[in-house]
Amino acid sequence: MSYLPPSFALTKDPVRTAVRFPLRLQVSLQTPEGILEAMTENVSASGLLLVARKLPGVDTKVEFTMAMPSAIMGTSTDVKVHCVGRVVRHQQSETEQKAAVVIDEYSLEAS
């Protein structure tokens, strides 16, 4: 797992209101078609951008758990966050796909 320190991590898009952190976290997505492995490109309080060879299409419901790094969370250990969301944007190139996921529900899991 790798991430940038908070001092380097703040990016903001004028269209999106949540601050995004460029975190690279491994995520296993539970989808109606099965489990897909992906990597986050950035994470915010309201969603995340995923990158993988194959990702679900727009309007697909997804469920996943992320281990948020302790250095980012200000805790002594990583914090597991279980999320339920949906794909709101999908992009494809020759080598990879990207999908923006909005988080509709989340809960913190005890370590």
PDB file of N, CA and C in Angstrom:
ATOM      1  N   MET A   1       0.846  -1.167   0.000  1.00  0.00           N
ATOM      2  CA  MET A   1       0.000   0.000   0.000  1.00  0.00           C
ATOM      3  C   MET A   1       0.894   1.234   0.000  1.00  0.00           C
ATOM      4  N   SER A   2       0.575   2.208  -0.840  1.00  0.00           N
ATOM      5  CA  SER A   2       1.327   3.451  -0.847  1.00  0.00           C
ATOM      6  C   SER A   2       0.355   4.620  -0.871  1.00  0.00           C
ATOM      7  N   TYR A   3       0.786   5.728  -0.320  1.00  0.00           N
ATOM      8  CA  TYR A   3      -0.054   6.913  -0.315  1.00  0.00           C
ATOM      9  C   TYR A   3       0.835   8.131  -0.215  1.00  0.00           C
ATOM     10  N   LEU A   4       0.288   9.271  -0.506  1.00  0.00           N
ATOM     11  CA  LEU A   4       1.007  10.520  -0.349  1.00  0.00           C
ATOM     12  C   LEU A   4       0.644  11.132   0.986  1.00  0.00           C
ATOM     13  N   PRO A   5       1.600  11.790   1.638  1.00  0.00           N
ATOM     14  CA  PRO A   5       1.284  12.451   2.903  1.00  0.00           C
ATOM     15  C   PRO A   5       0.213  13.520   2.700  1.00  0.00           C
ATOM     16  N   PRO A   6      -0.542  13.846   3.762  1.00  0.00           N
ATOM     17  CA  PRO A   6      -1.626  14.814   3.636  1.00  0.00           C
ATOM     18  C   PRO A   6      -1.191  16.152   3.035  1.00  0.00           C
ATOM     19  N   SER A   7       0.030  16.588   3.298  1.00  0.00           N
ATOM     20  CA  SER A   7       0.476  17.876   2.771  1.00  0.00           C
ATOM     21  C   SER A   7       0.533  17.898   1.249  1.00  0.00           C
ATOM     22  N   PHE A   8       0.705  16.734   0.612  1.00  0.00           N
ATOM     23  CA  PHE A   8       0.742  16.637  -0.842  1.00  0.00           C
ATOM     24  C   PHE A   8      -0.598  16.198  -1.422  1.00  0.00           C
ATOM     25  N   ALA A   9      -1.534  15.806  -0.582  1.00  0.00           N
ATOM     26  CA  ALA A   9      -2.698  15.060  -1.043  1.00  0.00           C
ATOM     27  C   ALA A   9      -3.910  15.890  -1.445  1.00  0.00           C
ATOM     28  N   LEU A  10      -3.973  17.132  -1.095  1.00  0.00           N
ATOM     29  CA  LEU A  10      -5.198  17.884  -1.348  1.00  0.00           C
ATOM     30  C   LEU A  10      -5.305  18.319  -2.805  1.00  0.00           C
ATOM     31  N   THR A  11      -6.360  17.854  -3.452  1.00  0.00           N
ATOM     32  CA  THR A  11      -6.672  18.305  -4.805  1.00  0.00           C
ATOM     33  C   THR A  11      -8.153  18.602  -4.840  1.00  0.00           C
ATOM     34  N   LYS A  12      -8.541  19.552  -5.652  1.00  0.00           N
ATOM     35  CA  LYS A  12      -9.950  19.915  -5.701  1.00  0.00           C
ATOM     36  C   LYS A  12     -10.341  20.216  -7.139  1.00  0.00           C
ATOM     37  N   ASP A  13     -11.473  19.726  -7.546  1.00  0.00           N
ATOM     38  CA  ASP A  13     -12.021  19.967  -8.874  1.00  0.00           C
ATOM     39  C   ASP A  13     -13.182  20.932  -8.691  1.00  0.00           C
ATOM     40  N   PRO A  14     -13.289  21.983  -9.504  1.00  0.00           N
ATOM     41  CA  PRO A  14     -14.370  22.950  -9.302  1.00  0.00           C
ATOM     42  C   PRO A  14     -15.762  22.349  -9.441  1.00  0.00           C
ATOM     43  N   VAL A  15     -15.907  21.236 -10.166  1.00  0.00           N
ATOM     44  CA  VAL A  15     -17.213  20.619 -10.356  1.00  0.00           C
ATOM     45  C   VAL A  15     -17.585  19.765  -9.150  1.00  0.00           C
ATOM     46  N   ARG A  16     -16.618  19.149  -8.519  1.00  0.00           N
ATOM     47  CA  ARG A  16     -16.864  18.275  -7.374  1.00  0.00           C
ATOM     48  C   ARG A  16     -16.475  19.018  -6.100  1.00  0.00           C
ATOM     49  N   THR A  17     -17.286  18.884  -5.062  1.00  0.00           N
ATOM     50  CA  THR A  17     -17.058  19.683  -3.865  1.00  0.00           C
ATOM     51  C   THR A  17     -16.187  19.002  -2.822  1.00  0.00           C
ATOM     52  N   ALA A  18     -16.075  17.691  -2.828  1.00  0.00           N
ATOM     53  CA  ALA A  18     -15.303  16.993  -1.801  1.00  0.00           C
ATOM     54  C   ALA A  18     -13.813  17.014  -2.131  1.00  0.00           C
ATOM     55  N   VAL A  19     -12.995  17.229  -1.114  1.00  0.00           N
ATOM     56  CA  VAL A  19     -11.545  17.164  -1.284  1.00  0.00           C
ATOM     57  C   VAL A  19     -11.166  15.716  -1.554  1.00  0.00           C
ATOM     58  N   ARG A  20     -10.319  15.508  -2.564  1.00  0.00           N
ATOM     59  CA  ARG A  20      -9.894  14.154  -2.921  1.00  0.00           C
ATOM     60  C   ARG A  20      -8.443  13.940  -2.524  1.00  0.00           C
ATOM     61  N   PHE A  21      -8.166  12.738  -2.020  1.00  0.00           N
ATOM     62  CA  PHE A  21      -6.819  12.356  -1.633  1.00  0.00           C
ATOM     63  C   PHE A  21      -6.320  11.296  -2.609  1.00  0.00           C
ATOM     64  N   PRO A  22      -5.160  11.478  -3.229  1.00  0.00           N
ATOM     65  CA  PRO A  22      -4.662  10.506  -4.209  1.00  0.00           C
ATOM     66  C   PRO A  22      -4.092   9.255  -3.536  1.00  0.00           C
ATOM     67  N   LEU A  23      -4.970   8.441  -2.988  1.00  0.00           N
ATOM     68  CA  LEU A  23      -4.568   7.212  -2.294  1.00  0.00           C
ATOM     69  C   LEU A  23      -4.610   6.021  -3.228  1.00  0.00           C
ATOM     70  N   ARG A  24      -3.613   5.168  -3.153  1.00  0.00           N
ATOM     71  CA  ARG A  24      -3.572   3.925  -3.924  1.00  0.00           C
ATOM     72  C   ARG A  24      -3.862   2.778  -2.952  1.00  0.00           C
ATOM     73  N   LEU A  25      -5.115   2.331  -2.948  1.00  0.00           N
ATOM     74  CA  LEU A  25      -5.553   1.261  -2.052  1.00  0.00           C
ATOM     75  C   LEU A  25      -6.154   0.130  -2.871  1.00  0.00           C
ATOM     76  N   GLN A  26      -5.833  -1.106  -2.505  1.00  0.00           N
ATOM     77  CA  GLN A  26      -6.422  -2.275  -3.158  1.00  0.00           C
ATOM     78  C   GLN A  26      -7.857  -2.447  -2.660  1.00  0.00           C
ATOM     79  N   VAL A  27      -8.782  -2.704  -3.601  1.00  0.00           N
ATOM     80  CA  VAL A  27     -10.196  -2.861  -3.257  1.00  0.00           C
ATOM     81  C   VAL A  27     -10.759  -4.074  -3.991  1.00  0.00           C
ATOM     82  N   SER A  28     -11.499  -4.922  -3.267  1.00  0.00           N
ATOM     83  CA  SER A  28     -12.252  -6.023  -3.886  1.00  0.00           C
ATOM     84  C   SER A  28     -13.711  -5.596  -3.944  1.00  0.00           C
ATOM     85  N   LEU A  29     -14.208  -5.399  -5.158  1.00  0.00           N
ATOM     86  CA  LEU A  29     -15.587  -4.953  -5.346  1.00  0.00           C
ATOM     87  C   LEU A  29     -16.524  -6.141  -5.442  1.00  0.00           C
ATOM     88  N   GLN A  30     -17.573  -6.149  -4.641  1.00  0.00           N
ATOM     89  CA  GLN A  30     -18.637  -7.139  -4.794  1.00  0.00           C
ATOM     90  C   GLN A  30     -19.676  -6.506  -5.704  1.00  0.00           C
ATOM     91  N   THR A  31     -19.912  -7.145  -6.851  1.00  0.00           N
ATOM     92  CA  THR A  31     -20.874  -6.639  -7.830  1.00  0.00           C
ATOM     93  C   THR A  31     -21.899  -7.727  -8.111  1.00  0.00           C
ATOM     94  N   PRO A  32     -22.998  -7.404  -8.784  1.00  0.00           N
ATOM     95  CA  PRO A  32     -23.970  -8.439  -9.151  1.00  0.00           C
ATOM     96  C   PRO A  32     -23.356  -9.544 -10.022  1.00  0.00           C
ATOM     97  N   GLU A  33     -22.286  -9.227 -10.761  1.00  0.00           N
ATOM     98  CA  GLU A  33     -21.632 -10.215 -11.632  1.00  0.00           C
ATOM     99  C   GLU A  33     -20.511 -10.980 -10.944  1.00  0.00           C
ATOM    100  N   GLY A  34     -20.176 -10.633  -9.702  1.00  0.00           N
ATOM    101  CA  GLY A  34     -19.091 -11.300  -8.984  1.00  0.00           C
ATOM    102  C   GLY A  34     -18.104 -10.299  -8.414  1.00  0.00           C
ATOM    103  N   ILE A  35     -16.949 -10.805  -7.996  1.00  0.00           N
ATOM    104  CA  ILE A  35     -15.934  -9.970  -7.363  1.00  0.00           C
ATOM    105  C   ILE A  35     -14.930  -9.491  -8.403  1.00  0.00           C
ATOM    106  N   LEU A  36     -14.615  -8.199  -8.354  1.00  0.00           N
ATOM    107  CA  LEU A  36     -13.617  -7.589  -9.229  1.00  0.00           C
ATOM    108  C   LEU A  36     -12.552  -6.915  -8.372  1.00  0.00           C
ATOM    109  N   GLU A  37     -11.289  -7.044  -8.768  1.00  0.00           N
ATOM    110  CA  GLU A  37     -10.188  -6.394  -8.060  1.00  0.00           C
ATOM    111  C   GLU A  37      -9.878  -5.064  -8.736  1.00  0.00           C
ATOM    112  N   ALA A  38      -9.651  -4.028  -7.926  1.00  0.00           N
ATOM    113  CA  ALA A  38      -9.349  -2.701  -8.461  1.00  0.00           C
ATOM    114  C   ALA A  38      -8.397  -1.980  -7.514  1.00  0.00           C
ATOM    115  N   MET A  39      -7.908  -0.838  -7.969  1.00  0.00           N
ATOM    116  CA  MET A  39      -7.041   0.027  -7.180  1.00  0.00           C
ATOM    117  C   MET A  39      -7.677   1.412  -7.176  1.00  0.00           C
ATOM    118  N   THR A  40      -7.668   2.067  -6.014  1.00  0.00           N
ATOM    119  CA  THR A  40      -8.182   3.433  -5.987  1.00  0.00           C
ATOM    120  C   THR A  40      -7.149   4.371  -6.599  1.00  0.00           C
ATOM    121  N   GLU A  41      -7.636   5.381  -7.288  1.00  0.00           N
ATOM    122  CA  GLU A  41      -6.759   6.444  -7.792  1.00  0.00           C
ATOM    123  C   GLU A  41      -6.865   7.652  -6.872  1.00  0.00           C
ATOM    124  N   ASN A  42      -8.082   7.905  -6.398  1.00  0.00           N
ATOM    125  CA  ASN A  42      -8.273   8.927  -5.378  1.00  0.00           C
ATOM    126  C   ASN A  42      -9.518   8.589  -4.570  1.00  0.00           C
ATOM    127  N   VAL A  43      -9.561   9.149  -3.349  1.00  0.00           N
ATOM    128  CA  VAL A  43     -10.645   8.863  -2.406  1.00  0.00           C
ATOM    129  C   VAL A  43     -11.092  10.180  -1.781  1.00  0.00           C
ATOM    130  N   SER A  44     -12.408  10.348  -1.617  1.00  0.00           N
ATOM    131  CA  SER A  44     -12.951  11.505  -0.903  1.00  0.00           C
ATOM    132  C   SER A  44     -13.987  10.998   0.094  1.00  0.00           C
ATOM    133  N   ALA A  45     -14.571  11.902   0.853  1.00  0.00           N
ATOM    134  CA  ALA A  45     -15.601  11.513   1.817  1.00  0.00           C
ATOM    135  C   ALA A  45     -16.848  10.985   1.125  1.00  0.00           C
ATOM    136  N   SER A  46     -17.071  11.377  -0.126  1.00  0.00           N
ATOM    137  CA  SER A  46     -18.302  10.986  -0.810  1.00  0.00           C
ATOM    138  C   SER A  46     -18.117   9.958  -1.920  1.00  0.00           C
ATOM    139  N   GLY A  47     -16.875   9.587  -2.224  1.00  0.00           N
ATOM    140  CA  GLY A  47     -16.680   8.619  -3.299  1.00  0.00           C
ATOM    141  C   GLY A  47     -15.227   8.350  -3.592  1.00  0.00           C
ATOM    142  N   LEU A  48     -14.994   7.621  -4.684  1.00  0.00           N
ATOM    143  CA  LEU A  48     -13.638   7.276  -5.073  1.00  0.00           C
ATOM    144  C   LEU A  48     -13.567   7.012  -6.564  1.00  0.00           C
ATOM    145  N   LEU A  49     -12.346   7.077  -7.080  1.00  0.00           N
ATOM    146  CA  LEU A  49     -12.099   6.755  -8.475  1.00  0.00           C
ATOM    147  C   LEU A  49     -11.288   5.474  -8.507  1.00  0.00           C
ATOM    148  N   LEU A  50     -11.795   4.473  -9.225  1.00  0.00           N
ATOM    149  CA  LEU A  50     -11.152   3.166  -9.313  1.00  0.00           C
ATOM    150  C   LEU A  50     -10.494   2.979 -10.669  1.00  0.00           C
ATOM    151  N   VAL A  51      -9.423   2.183 -10.683  1.00  0.00           N
ATOM    152  CA  VAL A  51      -8.724   1.830 -11.916  1.00  0.00           C
ATOM    153  C   VAL A  51      -8.522   0.325 -11.916  1.00  0.00           C
ATOM    154  N   ALA A  52      -8.805  -0.317 -13.056  1.00  0.00           N
ATOM    155  CA  ALA A  52      -8.591  -1.762 -13.210  1.00  0.00           C
ATOM    156  C   ALA A  52      -8.709  -2.123 -14.686  1.00  0.00           C
ATOM    157  N   ARG A  53      -8.406  -3.367 -14.993  1.00  0.00           N
ATOM    158  CA  ARG A  53      -8.571  -3.837 -16.377  1.00  0.00           C
ATOM    159  C   ARG A  53     -10.048  -3.959 -16.729  1.00  0.00           C
ATOM    160  N   LYS A  54     -10.874  -4.322 -15.718  1.00  0.00           N
ATOM    161  CA  LYS A  54     -12.316  -4.463 -15.931  1.00  0.00           C
ATOM    162  C   LYS A  54     -13.052  -3.907 -14.721  1.00  0.00           C
ATOM    163  N   LEU A  55     -14.048  -3.058 -14.976  1.00  0.00           N
ATOM    164  CA  LEU A  55     -14.849  -2.466 -13.911  1.00  0.00           C
ATOM    165  C   LEU A  55     -16.316  -2.471 -14.320  1.00  0.00           C
ATOM    166  N   PRO A  56     -17.223  -2.422 -13.334  1.00  0.00           N
ATOM    167  CA  PRO A  56     -18.654  -2.422 -13.657  1.00  0.00           C
ATOM    168  C   PRO A  56     -19.088  -1.120 -14.324  1.00  0.00           C
ATOM    169  N   GLY A  57     -20.205  -1.185 -15.043  1.00  0.00           N
ATOM    170  CA  GLY A  57     -20.734  -0.030 -15.756  1.00  0.00           C
ATOM    171  C   GLY A  57     -21.523   0.910 -14.863  1.00  0.00           C
ATOM    172  N   VAL A  58     -21.932   2.025 -15.435  1.00  0.00           N
ATOM    173  CA  VAL A  58     -22.709   3.049 -14.733  1.00  0.00           C
ATOM    174  C   VAL A  58     -24.001   2.439 -14.182  1.00  0.00           C
ATOM    175  N   ASP A  59     -24.383   2.880 -12.994  1.00  0.00           N
ATOM    176  CA  ASP A  59     -25.576   2.454 -12.249  1.00  0.00           C
ATOM    177  C   ASP A  59     -25.435   1.087 -11.586  1.00  0.00           C
ATOM    178  N   THR A  60     -24.251   0.467 -11.646  1.00  0.00           N
ATOM    179  CA  THR A  60     -24.039  -0.813 -10.969  1.00  0.00           C
ATOM    180  C   THR A  60     -23.803  -0.570  -9.483  1.00  0.00           C
ATOM    181  N   LYS A  61     -24.512  -1.322  -8.635  1.00  0.00           N
ATOM    182  CA  LYS A  61     -24.306  -1.251  -7.193  1.00  0.00           C
ATOM    183  C   LYS A  61     -23.043  -2.032  -6.849  1.00  0.00           C
ATOM    184  N   VAL A  62     -22.199  -1.469  -5.974  1.00  0.00           N
ATOM    185  CA  VAL A  62     -20.971  -2.132  -5.542  1.00  0.00           C
ATOM    186  C   VAL A  62     -20.865  -2.075  -4.025  1.00  0.00           C
ATOM    187  N   GLU A  63     -20.154  -3.043  -3.480  1.00  0.00           N
ATOM    188  CA  GLU A  63     -19.902  -3.106  -2.045  1.00  0.00           C
ATOM    189  C   GLU A  63     -18.435  -3.452  -1.869  1.00  0.00           C
ATOM    190  N   PHE A  64     -17.762  -2.796  -0.920  1.00  0.00           N
ATOM    191  CA  PHE A  64     -16.329  -3.026  -0.741  1.00  0.00           C
ATOM    192  C   PHE A  64     -15.888  -2.546   0.635  1.00  0.00           C
ATOM    193  N   THR A  65     -14.700  -2.995   1.057  1.00  0.00           N
ATOM    194  CA  THR A  65     -14.085  -2.542   2.296  1.00  0.00           C
ATOM    195  C   THR A  65     -12.703  -1.996   1.967  1.00  0.00           C
ATOM    196  N   MET A  66     -12.397  -0.828   2.496  1.00  0.00           N
ATOM    197  CA  MET A  66     -11.084  -0.207   2.309  1.00  0.00           C
ATOM    198  C   MET A  66     -10.383  -0.110   3.652  1.00  0.00           C
ATOM    199  N   ALA A  67      -9.073  -0.312   3.653  1.00  0.00           N
ATOM    200  CA  ALA A  67      -8.262  -0.080   4.846  1.00  0.00           C
ATOM    201  C   ALA A  67      -7.628   1.296   4.696  1.00  0.00           C
ATOM    202  N   MET A  68      -8.189   2.281   5.386  1.00  0.00           N
ATOM    203  CA  MET A  68      -7.657   3.643   5.310  1.00  0.00           C
ATOM    204  C   MET A  68      -6.410   3.736   6.188  1.00  0.00           C
ATOM    205  N   PRO A  69      -5.307   4.243   5.643  1.00  0.00           N
ATOM    206  CA  PRO A  69      -4.039   4.286   6.381  1.00  0.00           C
ATOM    207  C   PRO A  69      -4.128   5.120   7.658  1.00  0.00           C
ATOM    208  N   SER A  70      -3.495   4.611   8.717  1.00  0.00           N
ATOM    209  CA  SER A  70      -3.517   5.291  10.009  1.00  0.00           C
ATOM    210  C   SER A  70      -2.950   6.708   9.914  1.00  0.00           C
ATOM    211  N   ALA A  71      -1.938   6.913   9.081  1.00  0.00           N
ATOM    212  CA  ALA A  71      -1.330   8.240   8.935  1.00  0.00           C
ATOM    213  C   ALA A  71      -2.326   9.259   8.392  1.00  0.00           C
ATOM    214  N   ILE A  72      -3.215   8.831   7.523  1.00  0.00           N
ATOM    215  CA  ILE A  72      -4.238   9.721   6.967  1.00  0.00           C
ATOM    216  C   ILE A  72      -5.363   9.934   7.974  1.00  0.00           C
ATOM    217  N   MET A  73      -5.731   8.858   8.693  1.00  0.00           N
ATOM    218  CA  MET A  73      -6.865   8.908   9.614  1.00  0.00           C
ATOM    219  C   MET A  73      -6.509   9.506  10.976  1.00  0.00           C
ATOM    220  N   GLY A  74      -5.208   9.615  11.270  1.00  0.00           N
ATOM    221  CA  GLY A  74      -4.795  10.140  12.566  1.00  0.00           C
ATOM    222  C   GLY A  74      -5.033   9.162  13.696  1.00  0.00           C
ATOM    223  N   THR A  75      -4.939   7.866  13.390  1.00  0.00           N
ATOM    224  CA  THR A  75      -5.146   6.815  14.386  1.00  0.00           C
ATOM    225  C   THR A  75      -3.886   5.966  14.500  1.00  0.00           C
ATOM    226  N   SER A  76      -3.838   5.106  15.511  1.00  0.00           N
ATOM    227  CA  SER A  76      -2.659   4.256  15.701  1.00  0.00           C
ATOM    228  C   SER A  76      -2.653   3.049  14.767  1.00  0.00           C
ATOM    229  N   THR A  77      -3.815   2.677  14.245  1.00  0.00           N
ATOM    230  CA  THR A  77      -3.901   1.557  13.298  1.00  0.00           C
ATOM    231  C   THR A  77      -4.763   1.968  12.106  1.00  0.00           C
ATOM    232  N   ASP A  78      -4.632   1.214  11.017  1.00  0.00           N
ATOM    233  CA  ASP A  78      -5.476   1.466   9.849  1.00  0.00           C
ATOM    234  C   ASP A  78      -6.944   1.303  10.235  1.00  0.00           C
ATOM    235  N   VAL A  79      -7.815   2.034   9.576  1.00  0.00           N
ATOM    236  CA  VAL A  79      -9.249   1.977   9.843  1.00  0.00           C
ATOM    237  C   VAL A  79      -9.939   1.329   8.649  1.00  0.00           C
ATOM    238  N   LYS A  80     -10.679   0.245   8.907  1.00  0.00           N
ATOM    239  CA  LYS A  80     -11.428  -0.415   7.837  1.00  0.00           C
ATOM    240  C   LYS A  80     -12.780   0.268   7.680  1.00  0.00           C
ATOM    241  N   VAL A  81     -13.084   0.633   6.434  1.00  0.00           N
ATOM    242  CA  VAL A  81     -14.346   1.300   6.123  1.00  0.00           C
ATOM    243  C   VAL A  81     -15.100   0.431   5.129  1.00  0.00           C
ATOM    244  N   HIS A  82     -16.280  -0.051   5.540  1.00  0.00           N
ATOM    245  CA  HIS A  82     -17.125  -0.866   4.658  1.00  0.00           C
ATOM    246  C   HIS A  82     -18.092   0.080   3.950  1.00  0.00           C
ATOM    247  N   CYS A  83     -18.148  -0.011   2.615  1.00  0.00           N
ATOM    248  CA  CYS A  83     -18.944   0.934   1.823  1.00  0.00           C
ATOM    249  C   CYS A  83     -19.911   0.226   0.884  1.00  0.00           C
ATOM    250  N   VAL A  84     -21.051   0.856   0.680  1.00  0.00           N
ATOM    251  CA  VAL A  84     -22.008   0.461  -0.350  1.00  0.00           C
ATOM    252  C   VAL A  84     -22.193   1.692  -1.225  1.00  0.00           C
ATOM    253  N   GLY A  85     -22.069   1.498  -2.531  1.00  0.00           N
ATOM    254  CA  GLY A  85     -22.184   2.638  -3.431  1.00  0.00           C
ATOM    255  C   GLY A  85     -22.622   2.209  -4.812  1.00  0.00           C
ATOM    256  N   ARG A  86     -22.432   3.124  -5.767  1.00  0.00           N
ATOM    257  CA  ARG A  86     -22.831   2.838  -7.149  1.00  0.00           C
ATOM    258  C   ARG A  86     -21.915   3.580  -8.097  1.00  0.00           C
ATOM    259  N   VAL A  87     -21.729   2.996  -9.261  1.00  0.00           N
ATOM    260  CA  VAL A  87     -20.883   3.596 -10.290  1.00  0.00           C
ATOM    261  C   VAL A  87     -21.669   4.719 -10.964  1.00  0.00           C
ATOM    262  N   VAL A  88     -21.068   5.907 -11.018  1.00  0.00           N
ATOM    263  CA  VAL A  88     -21.744   7.059 -11.624  1.00  0.00           C
ATOM    264  C   VAL A  88     -21.060   7.540 -12.904  1.00  0.00           C
ATOM    265  N   ARG A  89     -19.833   7.090 -13.125  1.00  0.00           N
ATOM    266  CA  ARG A  89     -19.108   7.475 -14.332  1.00  0.00           C
ATOM    267  C   ARG A  89     -18.156   6.346 -14.702  1.00  0.00           C
ATOM    268  N   HIS A  90     -17.989   6.105 -15.991  1.00  0.00           N
ATOM    269  CA  HIS A  90     -17.137   5.010 -16.462  1.00  0.00           C
ATOM    270  C   HIS A  90     -16.367   5.481 -17.679  1.00  0.00           C
ATOM    271  N   GLN A  91     -15.095   5.144 -17.717  1.00  0.00           N
ATOM    272  CA  GLN A  91     -14.205   5.569 -18.784  1.00  0.00           C
ATOM    273  C   GLN A  91     -13.352   4.375 -19.196  1.00  0.00           C
ATOM    274  N   GLN A  92     -13.078   4.230 -20.474  1.00  0.00           N
ATOM    275  CA  GLN A  92     -12.293   3.085 -20.929  1.00  0.00           C
ATOM    276  C   GLN A  92     -11.216   3.539 -21.905  1.00  0.00           C
ATOM    277  N   SER A  93     -10.004   2.972 -21.735  1.00  0.00           N
ATOM    278  CA  SER A  93      -8.927   3.187 -22.697  1.00  0.00           C
ATOM    279  C   SER A  93      -8.496   1.815 -23.202  1.00  0.00           C
ATOM    280  N   GLU A  94      -7.448   1.771 -23.999  1.00  0.00           N
ATOM    281  CA  GLU A  94      -6.977   0.484 -24.522  1.00  0.00           C
ATOM    282  C   GLU A  94      -6.441  -0.425 -23.425  1.00  0.00           C
ATOM    283  N   THR A  95      -5.873   0.149 -22.373  1.00  0.00           N
ATOM    284  CA  THR A  95      -5.205  -0.661 -21.354  1.00  0.00           C
ATOM    285  C   THR A  95      -5.927  -0.759 -20.020  1.00  0.00           C
ATOM    286  N   GLU A  96      -6.856   0.157 -19.731  1.00  0.00           N
ATOM    287  CA  GLU A  96      -7.507   0.136 -18.423  1.00  0.00           C
ATOM    288  C   GLU A  96      -8.882   0.789 -18.477  1.00  0.00           C
ATOM    289  N   GLN A  97      -9.619   0.582 -17.393  1.00  0.00           N
ATOM    290  CA  GLN A  97     -10.906   1.241 -17.210  1.00  0.00           C
ATOM    291  C   GLN A  97     -10.846   2.041 -15.918  1.00  0.00           C
ATOM    292  N   LYS A  98     -11.611   3.116 -15.870  1.00  0.00           N
ATOM    293  CA  LYS A  98     -11.758   3.905 -14.648  1.00  0.00           C
ATOM    294  C   LYS A  98     -13.243   4.036 -14.367  1.00  0.00           C
ATOM    295  N   ALA A  99     -13.586   3.984 -13.086  1.00  0.00           N
ATOM    296  CA  ALA A  99     -14.980   4.130 -12.686  1.00  0.00           C
ATOM    297  C   ALA A  99     -15.049   5.010 -11.446  1.00  0.00           C
ATOM    298  N   ALA A 100     -15.929   6.003 -11.488  1.00  0.00           N
ATOM    299  CA  ALA A 100     -16.187   6.846 -10.328  1.00  0.00           C
ATOM    300  C   ALA A 100     -17.342   6.227  -9.554  1.00  0.00           C
ATOM    301  N   VAL A 101     -17.134   6.041  -8.256  1.00  0.00           N
ATOM    302  CA  VAL A 101     -18.135   5.419  -7.391  1.00  0.00           C
ATOM    303  C   VAL A 101     -18.560   6.418  -6.320  1.00  0.00           C
ATOM    304  N   VAL A 102     -19.860   6.626  -6.178  1.00  0.00           N
ATOM    305  CA  VAL A 102     -20.413   7.436  -5.098  1.00  0.00           C
ATOM    306  C   VAL A 102     -20.697   6.502  -3.934  1.00  0.00           C
ATOM    307  N   ILE A 103     -20.293   6.907  -2.729  1.00  0.00           N
ATOM    308  CA  ILE A 103     -20.553   6.110  -1.531  1.00  0.00           C
ATOM    309  C   ILE A 103     -21.917   6.529  -0.976  1.00  0.00           C
ATOM    310  N   ASP A 104     -22.863   5.579  -0.967  1.00  0.00           N
ATOM    311  CA  ASP A 104     -24.207   5.844  -0.444  1.00  0.00           C
ATOM    312  C   ASP A 104     -24.313   5.536   1.044  1.00  0.00           C
ATOM    313  N   GLU A 105     -23.581   4.521   1.502  1.00  0.00           N
ATOM    314  CA  GLU A 105     -23.586   4.121   2.919  1.00  0.00           C
ATOM    315  C   GLU A 105     -22.187   3.677   3.296  1.00  0.00           C
ATOM    316  N   TYR A 106     -21.810   3.896   4.555  1.00  0.00           N
ATOM    317  CA  TYR A 106     -20.535   3.360   5.023  1.00  0.00           C
ATOM    318  C   TYR A 106     -20.615   3.086   6.518  1.00  0.00           C
ATOM    319  N   SER A 107     -19.746   2.200   6.971  1.00  0.00           N
ATOM    320  CA  SER A 107     -19.627   1.920   8.395  1.00  0.00           C
ATOM    321  C   SER A 107     -18.175   1.594   8.692  1.00  0.00           C
ATOM    322  N   LEU A 108     -17.740   1.948   9.880  1.00  0.00           N
ATOM    323  CA  LEU A 108     -16.379   1.646  10.307  1.00  0.00           C
ATOM    324  C   LEU A 108     -16.370   0.268  10.930  1.00  0.00           C
ATOM    325  N   GLU A 109     -15.340  -0.507  10.618  1.00  0.00           N
ATOM    326  CA  GLU A 109     -15.227  -1.859  11.155  1.00  0.00           C
ATOM    327  C   GLU A 109     -14.102  -1.904  12.173  1.00  0.00           C
ATOM    328  N   ALA A 110     -14.343  -2.596  13.275  1.00  0.00           N
ATOM    329  CA  ALA A 110     -13.319  -2.747  14.306  1.00  0.00           C
ATOM    330  C   ALA A 110     -12.171  -3.589  13.782  1.00  0.00           C
ATOM    331  N   SER A 111     -10.951  -3.200  14.158  1.00  0.00           N
ATOM    332  CA  SER A 111      -9.768  -3.951  13.713  1.00  0.00           C
ATOM    333  C   SER A 111      -9.464  -5.086  14.649  1.00  0.00           C
TER     334      SER A 111
END
